[in-house]
């Protein structure tokens, strides 16, 4: 049984650090994860700006509509952002606190593992 409350998936098999994207339940996310903790990263204990491996995180959902003339339709995509961190929080909807906390915990654990030979 999983210890996580949300279904977290990574889009591409990324075993190294860097830009990572995926889904958590019905939401999309991307993050920048570093090998070492950074002084301006997200503190995984309380999500404050502090020491952490994640320096960029965005949790969002996209909605696509077809607009305009039915003979010449145009595609319109709207992105709803629920959390956005880039060296500090610019958007943080508190209704998503638990989801963001779990995603950060997952990424911190996954990318702190070291392979021993």
PDB file of N, CA and C in Angstrom:
ATOM      1  N   UNK A   1       0.833  -1.183   0.000  1.00  0.00           N
ATOM      2  CA  UNK A   1       0.000   0.000   0.000  1.00  0.00           C
ATOM      3  C   UNK A   1       0.877   1.246   0.000  1.00  0.00           C
ATOM      4  N   UNK A   2       0.504   2.228  -0.791  1.00  0.00           N
ATOM      5  CA  UNK A   2       1.281   3.447  -0.927  1.00  0.00           C
ATOM      6  C   UNK A   2       1.087   4.350   0.285  1.00  0.00           C
ATOM      7  N   UNK A   3       2.150   5.061   0.637  1.00  0.00           N
ATOM      8  CA  UNK A   3       2.051   6.013   1.742  1.00  0.00           C
ATOM      9  C   UNK A   3       1.610   7.386   1.254  1.00  0.00           C
ATOM     10  N   UNK A   4       1.353   7.509  -0.053  1.00  0.00           N
ATOM     11  CA  UNK A   4       0.942   8.774  -0.645  1.00  0.00           C
ATOM     12  C   UNK A   4      -0.569   8.817  -0.851  1.00  0.00           C
ATOM     13  N   UNK A   5      -1.161   9.996  -0.676  1.00  0.00           N
ATOM     14  CA  UNK A   5      -2.600  10.185  -0.856  1.00  0.00           C
ATOM     15  C   UNK A   5      -2.960  10.530  -2.296  1.00  0.00           C
ATOM     16  N   UNK A   6      -1.983  10.947  -3.077  1.00  0.00           N
ATOM     17  CA  UNK A   6      -2.211  11.361  -4.456  1.00  0.00           C
ATOM     18  C   UNK A   6      -1.441  10.447  -5.401  1.00  0.00           C
ATOM     19  N   UNK A   7      -1.954  10.295  -6.607  1.00  0.00           N
ATOM     20  CA  UNK A   7      -1.305   9.481  -7.628  1.00  0.00           C
ATOM     21  C   UNK A   7      -0.286  10.359  -8.356  1.00  0.00           C
ATOM     22  N   UNK A   8       0.985  10.157  -8.083  1.00  0.00           N
ATOM     23  CA  UNK A   8       2.057  10.970  -8.658  1.00  0.00           C
ATOM     24  C   UNK A   8       2.748  10.176  -9.748  1.00  0.00           C
ATOM     25  N   UNK A   9       2.867  10.786 -10.932  1.00  0.00           N
ATOM     26  CA  UNK A   9       3.554  10.157 -12.067  1.00  0.00           C
ATOM     27  C   UNK A   9       4.560  11.139 -12.651  1.00  0.00           C
ATOM     28  N   UNK A  10       5.669  10.582 -13.117  1.00  0.00           N
ATOM     29  CA  UNK A  10       6.673  11.373 -13.829  1.00  0.00           C
ATOM     30  C   UNK A  10       6.554  11.019 -15.299  1.00  0.00           C
ATOM     31  N   UNK A  11       6.482  12.047 -16.177  1.00  0.00           N
ATOM     32  CA  UNK A  11       6.245  11.824 -17.605  1.00  0.00           C
ATOM     33  C   UNK A  11       7.340  11.026 -18.288  1.00  0.00           C
ATOM     34  N   UNK A  12       8.561  11.374 -18.036  1.00  0.00           N
ATOM     35  CA  UNK A  12       9.666  10.679 -18.695  1.00  0.00           C
ATOM     36  C   UNK A  12      10.534  10.049 -17.624  1.00  0.00           C
ATOM     37  N   UNK A  13      11.147   8.942 -17.970  1.00  0.00           N
ATOM     38  CA  UNK A  13      12.035   8.272 -17.017  1.00  0.00           C
ATOM     39  C   UNK A  13      13.275   9.129 -16.811  1.00  0.00           C
ATOM     40  N   UNK A  14      13.239   9.920 -15.780  1.00  0.00           N
ATOM     41  CA  UNK A  14      14.343  10.825 -15.473  1.00  0.00           C
ATOM     42  C   UNK A  14      14.996  10.340 -14.189  1.00  0.00           C
ATOM     43  N   UNK A  15      16.215   9.889 -14.303  1.00  0.00           N
ATOM     44  CA  UNK A  15      16.940   9.432 -13.125  1.00  0.00           C
ATOM     45  C   UNK A  15      17.967  10.452 -12.671  1.00  0.00           C
ATOM     46  N   UNK A  16      18.130  11.488 -13.455  1.00  0.00           N
ATOM     47  CA  UNK A  16      19.082  12.537 -13.110  1.00  0.00           C
ATOM     48  C   UNK A  16      18.317  13.747 -12.614  1.00  0.00           C
ATOM     49  N   UNK A  17      19.038  14.716 -12.173  1.00  0.00           N
ATOM     50  CA  UNK A  17      18.446  15.939 -11.669  1.00  0.00           C
ATOM     51  C   UNK A  17      18.150  16.867 -12.833  1.00  0.00           C
ATOM     52  N   UNK A  18      17.383  17.894 -12.569  1.00  0.00           N
ATOM     53  CA  UNK A  18      17.082  18.873 -13.594  1.00  0.00           C
ATOM     54  C   UNK A  18      15.594  19.077 -13.739  1.00  0.00           C
ATOM     55  N   UNK A  19      15.187  19.439 -14.948  1.00  0.00           N
ATOM     56  CA  UNK A  19      13.790  19.735 -15.244  1.00  0.00           C
ATOM     57  C   UNK A  19      13.002  18.436 -15.340  1.00  0.00           C
ATOM     58  N   UNK A  20      11.954  18.336 -14.527  1.00  0.00           N
ATOM     59  CA  UNK A  20      11.130  17.132 -14.461  1.00  0.00           C
ATOM     60  C   UNK A  20       9.668  17.556 -14.561  1.00  0.00           C
ATOM     61  N   UNK A  21       8.870  16.770 -15.274  1.00  0.00           N
ATOM     62  CA  UNK A  21       7.439  17.090 -15.338  1.00  0.00           C
ATOM     63  C   UNK A  21       6.626  15.819 -15.170  1.00  0.00           C
ATOM     64  N   UNK A  22       5.369  16.015 -14.796  1.00  0.00           N
ATOM     65  CA  UNK A  22       4.509  14.858 -14.579  1.00  0.00           C
ATOM     66  C   UNK A  22       3.102  15.260 -14.233  1.00  0.00           C
ATOM     67  N   UNK A  23       2.377  14.310 -13.616  1.00  0.00           N
ATOM     68  CA  UNK A  23       1.003  14.539 -13.184  1.00  0.00           C
ATOM     69  C   UNK A  23       0.861  14.123 -11.724  1.00  0.00           C
ATOM     70  N   UNK A  24      -0.053  14.800 -11.063  1.00  0.00           N
ATOM     71  CA  UNK A  24      -0.475  14.401  -9.723  1.00  0.00           C
ATOM     72  C   UNK A  24      -1.999  14.459  -9.758  1.00  0.00           C
ATOM     73  N   UNK A  25      -2.618  13.307  -9.645  1.00  0.00           N
ATOM     74  CA  UNK A  25      -4.053  13.147  -9.884  1.00  0.00           C
ATOM     75  C   UNK A  25      -4.395  13.751 -11.249  1.00  0.00           C
ATOM     76  N   UNK A  26      -5.294  14.707 -11.335  1.00  0.00           N
ATOM     77  CA  UNK A  26      -5.686  15.287 -12.626  1.00  0.00           C
ATOM     78  C   UNK A  26      -4.992  16.618 -12.917  1.00  0.00           C
ATOM     79  N   UNK A  27      -3.896  16.888 -12.259  1.00  0.00           N
ATOM     80  CA  UNK A  27      -3.168  18.136 -12.434  1.00  0.00           C
ATOM     81  C   UNK A  27      -1.804  17.849 -13.047  1.00  0.00           C
ATOM     82  N   UNK A  28      -1.275  18.816 -13.763  1.00  0.00           N
ATOM     83  CA  UNK A  28       0.070  18.695 -14.332  1.00  0.00           C
ATOM     84  C   UNK A  28       1.024  19.498 -13.450  1.00  0.00           C
ATOM     85  N   UNK A  29       2.302  19.146 -13.504  1.00  0.00           N
ATOM     86  CA  UNK A  29       3.312  19.892 -12.761  1.00  0.00           C
ATOM     87  C   UNK A  29       4.646  19.791 -13.478  1.00  0.00           C
ATOM     88  N   UNK A  30       5.508  20.741 -13.181  1.00  0.00           N
ATOM     89  CA  UNK A  30       6.912  20.637 -13.575  1.00  0.00           C
ATOM     90  C   UNK A  30       7.751  21.222 -12.458  1.00  0.00           C
ATOM     91  N   UNK A  31       8.979  20.741 -12.370  1.00  0.00           N
ATOM     92  CA  UNK A  31       9.861  21.154 -11.279  1.00  0.00           C
ATOM     93  C   UNK A  31      11.307  21.147 -11.749  1.00  0.00           C
ATOM     94  N   UNK A  32      12.115  21.947 -11.085  1.00  0.00           N
ATOM     95  CA  UNK A  32      13.558  21.948 -11.281  1.00  0.00           C
ATOM     96  C   UNK A  32      14.162  21.416  -9.993  1.00  0.00           C
ATOM     97  N   UNK A  33      14.768  20.226 -10.081  1.00  0.00           N
ATOM     98  CA  UNK A  33      15.304  19.542  -8.910  1.00  0.00           C
ATOM     99  C   UNK A  33      16.828  19.503  -9.020  1.00  0.00           C
ATOM    100  N   UNK A  34      17.504  19.907  -7.944  1.00  0.00           N
ATOM    101  CA  UNK A  34      18.975  19.943  -7.909  1.00  0.00           C
ATOM    102  C   UNK A  34      19.524  18.759  -7.116  1.00  0.00           C
ATOM    103  N   UNK A  35      20.766  18.431  -7.394  1.00  0.00           N
ATOM    104  CA  UNK A  35      21.440  17.329  -6.700  1.00  0.00           C
ATOM    105  C   UNK A  35      21.632  17.655  -5.218  1.00  0.00           C
ATOM    106  N   UNK A  36      21.987  18.879  -4.948  1.00  0.00           N
ATOM    107  CA  UNK A  36      22.235  19.333  -3.571  1.00  0.00           C
ATOM    108  C   UNK A  36      21.147  20.315  -3.155  1.00  0.00           C
ATOM    109  N   UNK A  37      21.000  20.510  -1.866  1.00  0.00           N
ATOM    110  CA  UNK A  37      20.071  21.515  -1.367  1.00  0.00           C
ATOM    111  C   UNK A  37      20.571  22.905  -1.736  1.00  0.00           C
ATOM    112  N   UNK A  38      19.648  23.783  -2.080  1.00  0.00           N
ATOM    113  CA  UNK A  38      19.963  25.157  -2.454  1.00  0.00           C
ATOM    114  C   UNK A  38      19.364  26.088  -1.393  1.00  0.00           C
ATOM    115  N   UNK A  39      20.025  27.179  -1.126  1.00  0.00           N
ATOM    116  CA  UNK A  39      19.553  28.099  -0.076  1.00  0.00           C
ATOM    117  C   UNK A  39      18.231  28.772  -0.430  1.00  0.00           C
ATOM    118  N   UNK A  40      17.863  28.804  -1.702  1.00  0.00           N
ATOM    119  CA  UNK A  40      16.607  29.433  -2.118  1.00  0.00           C
ATOM    120  C   UNK A  40      15.583  28.384  -2.584  1.00  0.00           C
ATOM    121  N   UNK A  41      15.827  27.110  -2.245  1.00  0.00           N
ATOM    122  CA  UNK A  41      14.896  26.034  -2.601  1.00  0.00           C
ATOM    123  C   UNK A  41      13.705  25.991  -1.655  1.00  0.00           C
ATOM    124  N   UNK A  42      12.773  25.112  -1.965  1.00  0.00           N
ATOM    125  CA  UNK A  42      11.580  24.954  -1.124  1.00  0.00           C
ATOM    126  C   UNK A  42      11.929  24.054   0.056  1.00  0.00           C
ATOM    127  N   UNK A  43      11.737  24.552   1.260  1.00  0.00           N
ATOM    128  CA  UNK A  43      11.962  23.766   2.460  1.00  0.00           C
ATOM    129  C   UNK A  43      10.871  22.688   2.525  1.00  0.00           C
ATOM    130  N   UNK A  44      11.234  21.401   2.440  1.00  0.00           N
ATOM    131  CA  UNK A  44      10.217  20.345   2.397  1.00  0.00           C
ATOM    132  C   UNK A  44       9.426  20.187   3.695  1.00  0.00           C
ATOM    133  N   UNK A  45       9.912  20.750   4.792  1.00  0.00           N
ATOM    134  CA  UNK A  45       9.204  20.611   6.067  1.00  0.00           C
ATOM    135  C   UNK A  45       7.976  21.507   6.150  1.00  0.00           C
ATOM    136  N   UNK A  46       8.105  22.763   5.681  1.00  0.00           N
ATOM    137  CA  UNK A  46       6.985  23.699   5.826  1.00  0.00           C
ATOM    138  C   UNK A  46       6.684  24.496   4.546  1.00  0.00           C
ATOM    139  N   UNK A  47       7.348  24.163   3.434  1.00  0.00           N
ATOM    140  CA  UNK A  47       7.157  24.788   2.118  1.00  0.00           C
ATOM    141  C   UNK A  47       7.563  26.258   2.072  1.00  0.00           C
ATOM    142  N   UNK A  48       8.335  26.689   3.044  1.00  0.00           N
ATOM    143  CA  UNK A  48       8.823  28.065   3.021  1.00  0.00           C
ATOM    144  C   UNK A  48      10.055  28.160   2.127  1.00  0.00           C
ATOM    145  N   UNK A  49      10.438  29.385   1.791  1.00  0.00           N
ATOM    146  CA  UNK A  49      11.684  29.602   1.061  1.00  0.00           C
ATOM    147  C   UNK A  49      12.808  29.294   2.040  1.00  0.00           C
ATOM    148  N   UNK A  50      13.675  28.397   1.637  1.00  0.00           N
ATOM    149  CA  UNK A  50      14.741  27.987   2.543  1.00  0.00           C
ATOM    150  C   UNK A  50      15.635  26.988   1.866  1.00  0.00           C
ATOM    151  N   UNK A  51      16.060  26.012   2.585  1.00  0.00           N
ATOM    152  CA  UNK A  51      16.979  25.014   2.074  1.00  0.00           C
ATOM    153  C   UNK A  51      16.207  23.818   1.527  1.00  0.00           C
ATOM    154  N   UNK A  52      16.379  23.565   0.212  1.00  0.00           N
ATOM    155  CA  UNK A  52      15.716  22.425  -0.407  1.00  0.00           C
ATOM    156  C   UNK A  52      16.261  22.180  -1.795  1.00  0.00           C
ATOM    157  N   UNK A  53      15.953  21.023  -2.375  1.00  0.00           N
ATOM    158  CA  UNK A  53      16.452  20.656  -3.705  1.00  0.00           C
ATOM    159  C   UNK A  53      15.622  21.249  -4.846  1.00  0.00           C
ATOM    160  N   UNK A  54      14.392  21.655  -4.563  1.00  0.00           N
ATOM    161  CA  UNK A  54      13.480  22.130  -5.610  1.00  0.00           C
ATOM    162  C   UNK A  54      13.478  23.655  -5.631  1.00  0.00           C
ATOM    163  N   UNK A  55      13.919  24.233  -6.762  1.00  0.00           N
ATOM    164  CA  UNK A  55      13.970  25.689  -6.875  1.00  0.00           C
ATOM    165  C   UNK A  55      12.923  26.235  -7.830  1.00  0.00           C
ATOM    166  N   UNK A  56      12.211  25.352  -8.508  1.00  0.00           N
ATOM    167  CA  UNK A  56      11.151  25.766  -9.437  1.00  0.00           C
ATOM    168  C   UNK A  56      10.068  24.706  -9.363  1.00  0.00           C
ATOM    169  N   UNK A  57       8.821  25.141  -9.175  1.00  0.00           N
ATOM    170  CA  UNK A  57       7.699  24.215  -9.130  1.00  0.00           C
ATOM    171  C   UNK A  57       6.447  24.931  -9.612  1.00  0.00           C
ATOM    172  N   UNK A  58       5.715  24.278 -10.491  1.00  0.00           N
ATOM    173  CA  UNK A  58       4.446  24.823 -10.959  1.00  0.00           C
ATOM    174  C   UNK A  58       3.428  23.691 -11.001  1.00  0.00           C
ATOM    175  N   UNK A  59       2.282  23.905 -10.356  1.00  0.00           N
ATOM    176  CA  UNK A  59       1.155  22.979 -10.371  1.00  0.00           C
ATOM    177  C   UNK A  59       0.037  23.666 -11.130  1.00  0.00           C
ATOM    178  N   UNK A  60      -0.459  23.021 -12.179  1.00  0.00           N
ATOM    179  CA  UNK A  60      -1.439  23.688 -13.039  1.00  0.00           C
ATOM    180  C   UNK A  60      -2.375  22.689 -13.700  1.00  0.00           C
ATOM    181  N   UNK A  61      -3.404  23.240 -14.351  1.00  0.00           N
ATOM    182  CA  UNK A  61      -4.350  22.456 -15.140  1.00  0.00           C
ATOM    183  C   UNK A  61      -4.646  23.266 -16.387  1.00  0.00           C
ATOM    184  N   UNK A  62      -4.662  22.602 -17.549  1.00  0.00           N
ATOM    185  CA  UNK A  62      -4.951  23.283 -18.804  1.00  0.00           C
ATOM    186  C   UNK A  62      -6.346  22.907 -19.285  1.00  0.00           C
ATOM    187  N   UNK A  63      -7.038  23.905 -19.837  1.00  0.00           N
ATOM    188  CA  UNK A  63      -8.371  23.712 -20.392  1.00  0.00           C
ATOM    189  C   UNK A  63      -8.340  24.199 -21.833  1.00  0.00           C
ATOM    190  N   UNK A  64      -8.741  23.342 -22.775  1.00  0.00           N
ATOM    191  CA  UNK A  64      -8.682  23.667 -24.198  1.00  0.00           C
ATOM    192  C   UNK A  64     -10.094  23.774 -24.767  1.00  0.00           C
ATOM    193  N   UNK A  65     -10.326  24.834 -25.538  1.00  0.00           N
ATOM    194  CA  UNK A  65     -11.608  25.067 -26.208  1.00  0.00           C
ATOM    195  C   UNK A  65     -11.361  25.332 -27.681  1.00  0.00           C
ATOM    196  N   UNK A  66     -12.361  25.016 -28.491  1.00  0.00           N
ATOM    197  CA  UNK A  66     -12.346  25.414 -29.899  1.00  0.00           C
ATOM    198  C   UNK A  66     -13.200  26.670 -30.014  1.00  0.00           C
ATOM    199  N   UNK A  67     -12.631  27.722 -30.590  1.00  0.00           N
ATOM    200  CA  UNK A  67     -13.303  29.007 -30.692  1.00  0.00           C
ATOM    201  C   UNK A  67     -13.416  29.452 -32.137  1.00  0.00           C
ATOM    202  N   UNK A  68     -14.269  30.417 -32.359  1.00  0.00           N
ATOM    203  CA  UNK A  68     -14.308  31.086 -33.652  1.00  0.00           C
ATOM    204  C   UNK A  68     -15.225  30.439 -34.663  1.00  0.00           C
ATOM    205  N   UNK A  69     -14.985  30.751 -35.907  1.00  0.00           N
ATOM    206  CA  UNK A  69     -15.747  30.318 -37.065  1.00  0.00           C
ATOM    207  C   UNK A  69     -15.691  28.788 -37.178  1.00  0.00           C
ATOM    208  N   UNK A  70     -16.847  28.108 -37.322  1.00  0.00           N
ATOM    209  CA  UNK A  70     -16.818  26.638 -37.440  1.00  0.00           C
ATOM    210  C   UNK A  70     -16.104  26.153 -38.704  1.00  0.00           C
ATOM    211  N   UNK A  71     -15.971  27.025 -39.713  1.00  0.00           N
ATOM    212  CA  UNK A  71     -15.256  26.653 -40.930  1.00  0.00           C
ATOM    213  C   UNK A  71     -13.758  26.916 -40.803  1.00  0.00           C
ATOM    214  N   UNK A  72     -13.386  27.712 -39.813  1.00  0.00           N
ATOM    215  CA  UNK A  72     -11.980  28.020 -39.563  1.00  0.00           C
ATOM    216  C   UNK A  72     -11.777  28.069 -38.039  1.00  0.00           C
ATOM    217  N   UNK A  73     -11.903  26.899 -37.372  1.00  0.00           N
ATOM    218  CA  UNK A  73     -11.825  26.901 -35.912  1.00  0.00           C
ATOM    219  C   UNK A  73     -10.418  27.225 -35.416  1.00  0.00           C
ATOM    220  N   UNK A  74     -10.383  27.798 -34.245  1.00  0.00           N
ATOM    221  CA  UNK A  74      -9.097  28.053 -33.613  1.00  0.00           C
ATOM    222  C   UNK A  74      -9.087  27.366 -32.250  1.00  0.00           C
ATOM    223  N   UNK A  75      -7.932  26.967 -31.840  1.00  0.00           N
ATOM    224  CA  UNK A  75      -7.750  26.268 -30.578  1.00  0.00           C
ATOM    225  C   UNK A  75      -7.309  27.283 -29.530  1.00  0.00           C
ATOM    226  N   UNK A  76      -7.959  27.273 -28.394  1.00  0.00           N
ATOM    227  CA  UNK A  76      -7.657  28.202 -27.310  1.00  0.00           C
ATOM    228  C   UNK A  76      -7.355  27.386 -26.048  1.00  0.00           C
ATOM    229  N   UNK A  77      -6.183  27.562 -25.475  1.00  0.00           N
ATOM    230  CA  UNK A  77      -5.802  26.855 -24.256  1.00  0.00           C
ATOM    231  C   UNK A  77      -5.606  27.853 -23.131  1.00  0.00           C
ATOM    232  N   UNK A  78      -6.222  27.557 -22.007  1.00  0.00           N
ATOM    233  CA  UNK A  78      -6.105  28.404 -20.829  1.00  0.00           C
ATOM    234  C   UNK A  78      -5.439  27.581 -19.734  1.00  0.00           C
ATOM    235  N   UNK A  79      -4.420  28.137 -19.097  1.00  0.00           N
ATOM    236  CA  UNK A  79      -3.712  27.440 -18.030  1.00  0.00           C
ATOM    237  C   UNK A  79      -4.091  28.064 -16.694  1.00  0.00           C
ATOM    238  N   UNK A  80      -4.597  27.212 -15.802  1.00  0.00           N
ATOM    239  CA  UNK A  80      -4.937  27.641 -14.453  1.00  0.00           C
ATOM    240  C   UNK A  80      -3.805  27.200 -13.529  1.00  0.00           C
ATOM    241  N   UNK A  81      -3.165  28.147 -12.860  1.00  0.00           N
ATOM    242  CA  UNK A  81      -2.017  27.854 -11.994  1.00  0.00           C
ATOM    243  C   UNK A  81      -2.464  27.893 -10.541  1.00  0.00           C
ATOM    244  N   UNK A  82      -2.160  26.809  -9.815  1.00  0.00           N
ATOM    245  CA  UNK A  82      -2.563  26.685  -8.419  1.00  0.00           C
ATOM    246  C   UNK A  82      -1.395  26.894  -7.463  1.00  0.00           C
ATOM    247  N   UNK A  83      -0.176  26.649  -7.946  1.00  0.00           N
ATOM    248  CA  UNK A  83       1.028  26.894  -7.151  1.00  0.00           C
ATOM    249  C   UNK A  83       2.166  27.178  -8.120  1.00  0.00           C
ATOM    250  N   UNK A  84       2.943  28.216  -7.811  1.00  0.00           N
ATOM    251  CA  UNK A  84       4.079  28.574  -8.660  1.00  0.00           C
ATOM    252  C   UNK A  84       5.211  29.105  -7.783  1.00  0.00           C
ATOM    253  N   UNK A  85       6.338  28.405  -7.835  1.00  0.00           N
ATOM    254  CA  UNK A  85       7.519  28.783  -7.041  1.00  0.00           C
ATOM    255  C   UNK A  85       8.708  28.933  -7.975  1.00  0.00           C
ATOM    256  N   UNK A  86       9.358  30.078  -7.892  1.00  0.00           N
ATOM    257  CA  UNK A  86      10.608  30.314  -8.611  1.00  0.00           C
ATOM    258  C   UNK A  86      11.453  31.189  -7.705  1.00  0.00           C
ATOM    259  N   UNK A  87      12.216  30.522  -6.844  1.00  0.00           N
ATOM    260  CA  UNK A  87      13.016  31.140  -5.790  1.00  0.00           C
ATOM    261  C   UNK A  87      12.175  31.775  -4.697  1.00  0.00           C
ATOM    262  N   UNK A  88      10.873  31.785  -4.873  1.00  0.00           N
ATOM    263  CA  UNK A  88       9.902  32.204  -3.867  1.00  0.00           C
ATOM    264  C   UNK A  88       8.509  31.960  -4.437  1.00  0.00           C
ATOM    265  N   UNK A  89       7.497  31.928  -3.602  1.00  0.00           N
ATOM    266  CA  UNK A  89       6.133  31.679  -4.062  1.00  0.00           C
ATOM    267  C   UNK A  89       5.549  32.936  -4.688  1.00  0.00           C
ATOM    268  N   UNK A  90       5.085  32.842  -5.931  1.00  0.00           N
ATOM    269  CA  UNK A  90       4.350  33.941  -6.562  1.00  0.00           C
ATOM    270  C   UNK A  90       2.857  33.620  -6.568  1.00  0.00           C
ATOM    271  N   UNK A  91       2.515  32.330  -6.587  1.00  0.00           N
ATOM    272  CA  UNK A  91       1.127  31.869  -6.505  1.00  0.00           C
ATOM    273  C   UNK A  91       1.123  30.665  -5.573  1.00  0.00           C
ATOM    274  N   UNK A  92       0.222  30.668  -4.621  1.00  0.00           N
ATOM    275  CA  UNK A  92       0.048  29.494  -3.773  1.00  0.00           C
ATOM    276  C   UNK A  92      -1.379  29.482  -3.259  1.00  0.00           C
ATOM    277  N   UNK A  93      -2.218  28.659  -3.887  1.00  0.00           N
ATOM    278  CA  UNK A  93      -3.587  28.471  -3.455  1.00  0.00           C
ATOM    279  C   UNK A  93      -3.553  27.486  -2.290  1.00  0.00           C
ATOM    280  N   UNK A  94      -3.897  27.949  -1.105  1.00  0.00           N
ATOM    281  CA  UNK A  94      -3.814  27.127   0.118  1.00  0.00           C
ATOM    282  C   UNK A  94      -4.684  25.870   0.053  1.00  0.00           C
ATOM    283  N   UNK A  95      -5.686  25.847  -0.828  1.00  0.00           N
ATOM    284  CA  UNK A  95      -6.509  24.645  -0.985  1.00  0.00           C
ATOM    285  C   UNK A  95      -5.694  23.473  -1.535  1.00  0.00           C
ATOM    286  N   UNK A  96      -4.526  23.747  -2.095  1.00  0.00           N
ATOM    287  CA  UNK A  96      -3.670  22.717  -2.692  1.00  0.00           C
ATOM    288  C   UNK A  96      -2.410  22.460  -1.854  1.00  0.00           C
ATOM    289  N   UNK A  97      -2.397  22.945  -0.633  1.00  0.00           N
ATOM    290  CA  UNK A  97      -1.227  22.800   0.232  1.00  0.00           C
ATOM    291  C   UNK A  97      -0.827  21.333   0.396  1.00  0.00           C
ATOM    292  N   UNK A  98      -1.782  20.457   0.733  1.00  0.00           N
ATOM    293  CA  UNK A  98      -1.467  19.041   0.967  1.00  0.00           C
ATOM    294  C   UNK A  98      -0.918  18.383  -0.293  1.00  0.00           C
ATOM    295  N   UNK A  99      -1.494  18.708  -1.446  1.00  0.00           N
ATOM    296  CA  UNK A  99      -1.033  18.137  -2.714  1.00  0.00           C
ATOM    297  C   UNK A  99       0.394  18.592  -3.026  1.00  0.00           C
ATOM    298  N   UNK A 100       0.668  19.867  -2.856  1.00  0.00           N
ATOM    299  CA  UNK A 100       2.004  20.409  -3.128  1.00  0.00           C
ATOM    300  C   UNK A 100       3.009  19.827  -2.139  1.00  0.00           C
ATOM    301  N   UNK A 101       2.638  19.738  -0.880  1.00  0.00           N
ATOM    302  CA  UNK A 101       3.543  19.185   0.141  1.00  0.00           C
ATOM    303  C   UNK A 101       3.901  17.738  -0.192  1.00  0.00           C
ATOM    304  N   UNK A 102       2.915  16.955  -0.590  1.00  0.00           N
ATOM    305  CA  UNK A 102       3.173  15.555  -0.926  1.00  0.00           C
ATOM    306  C   UNK A 102       4.054  15.432  -2.168  1.00  0.00           C
ATOM    307  N   UNK A 103       3.829  16.273  -3.163  1.00  0.00           N
ATOM    308  CA  UNK A 103       4.655  16.260  -4.376  1.00  0.00           C
ATOM    309  C   UNK A 103       6.097  16.616  -4.046  1.00  0.00           C
ATOM    310  N   UNK A 104       6.312  17.620  -3.214  1.00  0.00           N
ATOM    311  CA  UNK A 104       7.671  18.017  -2.827  1.00  0.00           C
ATOM    312  C   UNK A 104       8.340  16.910  -2.026  1.00  0.00           C
ATOM    313  N   UNK A 105       7.615  16.297  -1.112  1.00  0.00           N
ATOM    314  CA  UNK A 105       8.165  15.177  -0.334  1.00  0.00           C
ATOM    315  C   UNK A 105       8.571  14.037  -1.263  1.00  0.00           C
ATOM    316  N   UNK A 106       7.712  13.717  -2.210  1.00  0.00           N
ATOM    317  CA  UNK A 106       7.993  12.650  -3.178  1.00  0.00           C
ATOM    318  C   UNK A 106       9.266  12.965  -3.975  1.00  0.00           C
ATOM    319  N   UNK A 107       9.363  14.181  -4.515  1.00  0.00           N
ATOM    320  CA  UNK A 107      10.534  14.551  -5.325  1.00  0.00           C
ATOM    321  C   UNK A 107      11.809  14.585  -4.489  1.00  0.00           C
ATOM    322  N   UNK A 108      11.724  15.101  -3.279  1.00  0.00           N
ATOM    323  CA  UNK A 108      12.899  15.133  -2.393  1.00  0.00           C
ATOM    324  C   UNK A 108      13.392  13.716  -2.109  1.00  0.00           C
ATOM    325  N   UNK A 109      12.474  12.802  -1.849  1.00  0.00           N
ATOM    326  CA  UNK A 109      12.859  11.411  -1.570  1.00  0.00           C
ATOM    327  C   UNK A 109      13.419  10.732  -2.810  1.00  0.00           C
ATOM    328  N   UNK A 110      12.725  10.870  -3.914  1.00  0.00           N
ATOM    329  CA  UNK A 110      13.125  10.186  -5.149  1.00  0.00           C
ATOM    330  C   UNK A 110      14.508  10.628  -5.632  1.00  0.00           C
ATOM    331  N   UNK A 111      14.790  11.898  -5.552  1.00  0.00           N
ATOM    332  CA  UNK A 111      16.055  12.405  -6.102  1.00  0.00           C
ATOM    333  C   UNK A 111      17.149  12.547  -5.053  1.00  0.00           C
ATOM    334  N   UNK A 112      16.924  12.037  -3.835  1.00  0.00           N
ATOM    335  CA  UNK A 112      17.995  12.013  -2.849  1.00  0.00           C
ATOM    336  C   UNK A 112      18.568  10.603  -2.729  1.00  0.00           C
ATOM    337  N   UNK A 113      17.983   9.652  -3.461  1.00  0.00           N
ATOM    338  CA  UNK A 113      18.485   8.277  -3.425  1.00  0.00           C
ATOM    339  C   UNK A 113      19.817   8.177  -4.161  1.00  0.00           C
ATOM    340  N   UNK A 114      20.721   7.408  -3.612  1.00  0.00           N
ATOM    341  CA  UNK A 114      22.022   7.185  -4.233  1.00  0.00           C
ATOM    342  C   UNK A 114      22.193   5.695  -4.515  1.00  0.00           C
ATOM    343  N   UNK A 115      22.644   5.381  -5.699  1.00  0.00           N
ATOM    344  CA  UNK A 115      22.884   3.985  -6.070  1.00  0.00           C
ATOM    345  C   UNK A 115      24.240   3.571  -5.513  1.00  0.00           C
ATOM    346  N   UNK A 116      24.253   2.471  -4.783  1.00  0.00           N
ATOM    347  CA  UNK A 116      25.480   1.945  -4.201  1.00  0.00           C
ATOM    348  C   UNK A 116      25.838   0.671  -4.939  1.00  0.00           C
ATOM    349  N   UNK A 117      27.091   0.592  -5.389  1.00  0.00           N
ATOM    350  CA  UNK A 117      27.551  -0.605  -6.115  1.00  0.00           C
ATOM    351  C   UNK A 117      28.396  -1.483  -5.242  1.00  0.00           C
TER     352      UNK A 117
END
